[in-house]
Amino acid sequence: ETGSEDIDILPNGLAFISSGLKYPGIKVPAPDKPGEIFLMDLNEDSPRAVELRISRGFDLASFNPHGISTYID
């Protein structure tokens, strides 16, 4: 509904997608919906984005992701 803002693809083909960025003054289809992070496995024949659950205690109501990056240790 709010489109994806950024994507980061790991070497193993897993893609993390941030969604739900809202700018002040810009009309969005779901203004009260918090941002989300999706996971997509690009190795699958028909990849689909799956919403990741965010841990309890996180302020999800104000989550407004702008960009995404991963760290591999």
C-alpha atoms as a PDB file:
ATOM      1  CA  GLU A   1       0.000   0.000   0.000  1.00  0.00           C
ATOM      2  CA  THR A   2       2.778   2.449   0.805  1.00  0.00           C
ATOM      3  CA  GLY A   3       5.400   1.069  -1.557  1.00  0.00           C
ATOM      4  CA  SER A   4       8.944   0.039  -0.780  1.00  0.00           C
ATOM      5  CA  GLU A   5      11.563   2.591   0.162  1.00  0.00           C
ATOM      6  CA  ASP A   6      14.776   0.586  -0.072  1.00  0.00           C
ATOM      7  CA  ILE A   7      16.129  -2.932  -0.554  1.00  0.00           C
ATOM      8  CA  ASP A   8      19.307  -4.701   0.534  1.00  0.00           C
ATOM      9  CA  ILE A   9      20.183  -8.058  -1.030  1.00  0.00           C
ATOM     10  CA  LEU A  10      22.514 -10.445   0.793  1.00  0.00           C
ATOM     11  CA  PRO A  11      25.016 -12.636  -1.092  1.00  0.00           C
ATOM     12  CA  ASN A  12      22.815 -15.695  -0.356  1.00  0.00           C
ATOM     13  CA  GLY A  13      19.848 -14.189  -2.226  1.00  0.00           C
ATOM     14  CA  LEU A  14      17.786 -12.979   0.739  1.00  0.00           C
ATOM     15  CA  ALA A  15      16.400  -9.499   0.215  1.00  0.00           C
ATOM     16  CA  PHE A  16      15.288  -7.158   3.006  1.00  0.00           C
ATOM     17  CA  ILE A  17      12.824  -4.462   1.944  1.00  0.00           C
ATOM     18  CA  SER A  18      11.816  -1.404   3.954  1.00  0.00           C
ATOM     19  CA  SER A  19       8.340  -0.010   3.405  1.00  0.00           C
ATOM     20  CA  GLY A  20       6.076   2.686   4.776  1.00  0.00           C
ATOM     21  CA  LEU A  21       8.147   5.855   4.572  1.00  0.00           C
ATOM     22  CA  LYS A  22       6.015   8.940   5.206  1.00  0.00           C
ATOM     23  CA  TYR A  23       7.118  12.515   4.615  1.00  0.00           C
ATOM     24  CA  PRO A  24       5.305  15.388   6.365  1.00  0.00           C
ATOM     25  CA  GLY A  25       2.792  16.997   4.030  1.00  0.00           C
ATOM     26  CA  ILE A  26       2.794  14.131   1.498  1.00  0.00           C
ATOM     27  CA  LYS A  27      -0.489  12.242   1.180  1.00  0.00           C
ATOM     28  CA  VAL A  28      -0.133   8.463   1.613  1.00  0.00           C
ATOM     29  CA  PRO A  29      -2.814   5.758   1.189  1.00  0.00           C
ATOM     30  CA  ALA A  30      -2.554   4.491   4.791  1.00  0.00           C
ATOM     31  CA  PRO A  31      -1.283   7.347   7.015  1.00  0.00           C
ATOM     32  CA  ASP A  32      -1.863   5.465  10.283  1.00  0.00           C
ATOM     33  CA  LYS A  33      -0.186   2.239   9.170  1.00  0.00           C
ATOM     34  CA  PRO A  34       3.313   1.820  10.652  1.00  0.00           C
ATOM     35  CA  GLY A  35       6.326   1.014   8.526  1.00  0.00           C
ATOM     36  CA  GLU A  36       7.313  -2.559   7.802  1.00  0.00           C
ATOM     37  CA  ILE A  37      10.289  -4.729   6.888  1.00  0.00           C
ATOM     38  CA  PHE A  38       9.770  -7.538   4.382  1.00  0.00           C
ATOM     39  CA  LEU A  39      11.942 -10.533   3.505  1.00  0.00           C
ATOM     40  CA  MET A  40      12.090 -12.066   0.029  1.00  0.00           C
ATOM     41  CA  ASP A  41      14.072 -15.157  -0.957  1.00  0.00           C
ATOM     42  CA  LEU A  42      15.239 -14.484  -4.518  1.00  0.00           C
ATOM     43  CA  ASN A  43      16.315 -18.136  -4.866  1.00  0.00           C
ATOM     44  CA  GLU A  44      12.694 -19.283  -4.991  1.00  0.00           C
ATOM     45  CA  ASP A  45      10.973 -19.915  -8.335  1.00  0.00           C
ATOM     46  CA  SER A  46       8.209 -17.452  -7.440  1.00  0.00           C
ATOM     47  CA  PRO A  47       9.641 -15.140  -4.772  1.00  0.00           C
ATOM     48  CA  ARG A  48       7.168 -13.232  -2.621  1.00  0.00           C
ATOM     49  CA  ALA A  49       7.670 -10.648   0.081  1.00  0.00           C
ATOM     50  CA  VAL A  50       6.810 -11.790   3.612  1.00  0.00           C
ATOM     51  CA  GLU A  51       6.373  -9.255   6.413  1.00  0.00           C
ATOM     52  CA  LEU A  52       8.822  -9.788   9.276  1.00  0.00           C
ATOM     53  CA  ARG A  53       7.518  -9.620  12.842  1.00  0.00           C
ATOM     54  CA  ILE A  54       9.129  -6.868  14.874  1.00  0.00           C
ATOM     55  CA  SER A  55      10.076  -7.623  18.486  1.00  0.00           C
ATOM     56  CA  ARG A  56       7.859  -6.609  21.374  1.00  0.00           C
ATOM     57  CA  GLY A  57       8.883  -3.421  23.099  1.00  0.00           C
ATOM     58  CA  PHE A  58       9.685  -1.723  19.782  1.00  0.00           C
ATOM     59  CA  ASP A  59       7.756   1.508  19.129  1.00  0.00           C
ATOM     60  CA  LEU A  60       6.028   0.196  16.030  1.00  0.00           C
ATOM     61  CA  ALA A  61       3.481   3.039  15.916  1.00  0.00           C
ATOM     62  CA  SER A  62       6.207   5.551  15.031  1.00  0.00           C
ATOM     63  CA  PHE A  63       8.254   3.206  12.790  1.00  0.00           C
ATOM     64  CA  ASN A  64       8.937   5.159   9.599  1.00  0.00           C
ATOM     65  CA  PRO A  65      11.847   3.394   7.845  1.00  0.00           C
ATOM     66  CA  HIS A  66      14.050   5.357   5.499  1.00  0.00           C
ATOM     67  CA  GLY A  67      16.597   3.048   3.913  1.00  0.00           C
ATOM     68  CA  ILE A  68      17.931  -0.297   5.062  1.00  0.00           C
ATOM     69  CA  SER A  69      21.325  -1.930   5.269  1.00  0.00           C
ATOM     70  CA  THR A  70      22.688  -5.182   6.635  1.00  0.00           C
ATOM     71  CA  TYR A  71      25.825  -6.108   8.516  1.00  0.00           C
ATOM     72  CA  ILE A  72      27.413  -9.517   7.963  1.00  0.00           C
ATOM     73  CA  ASP A  73      29.822 -10.713  10.646  1.00  0.00           C
END
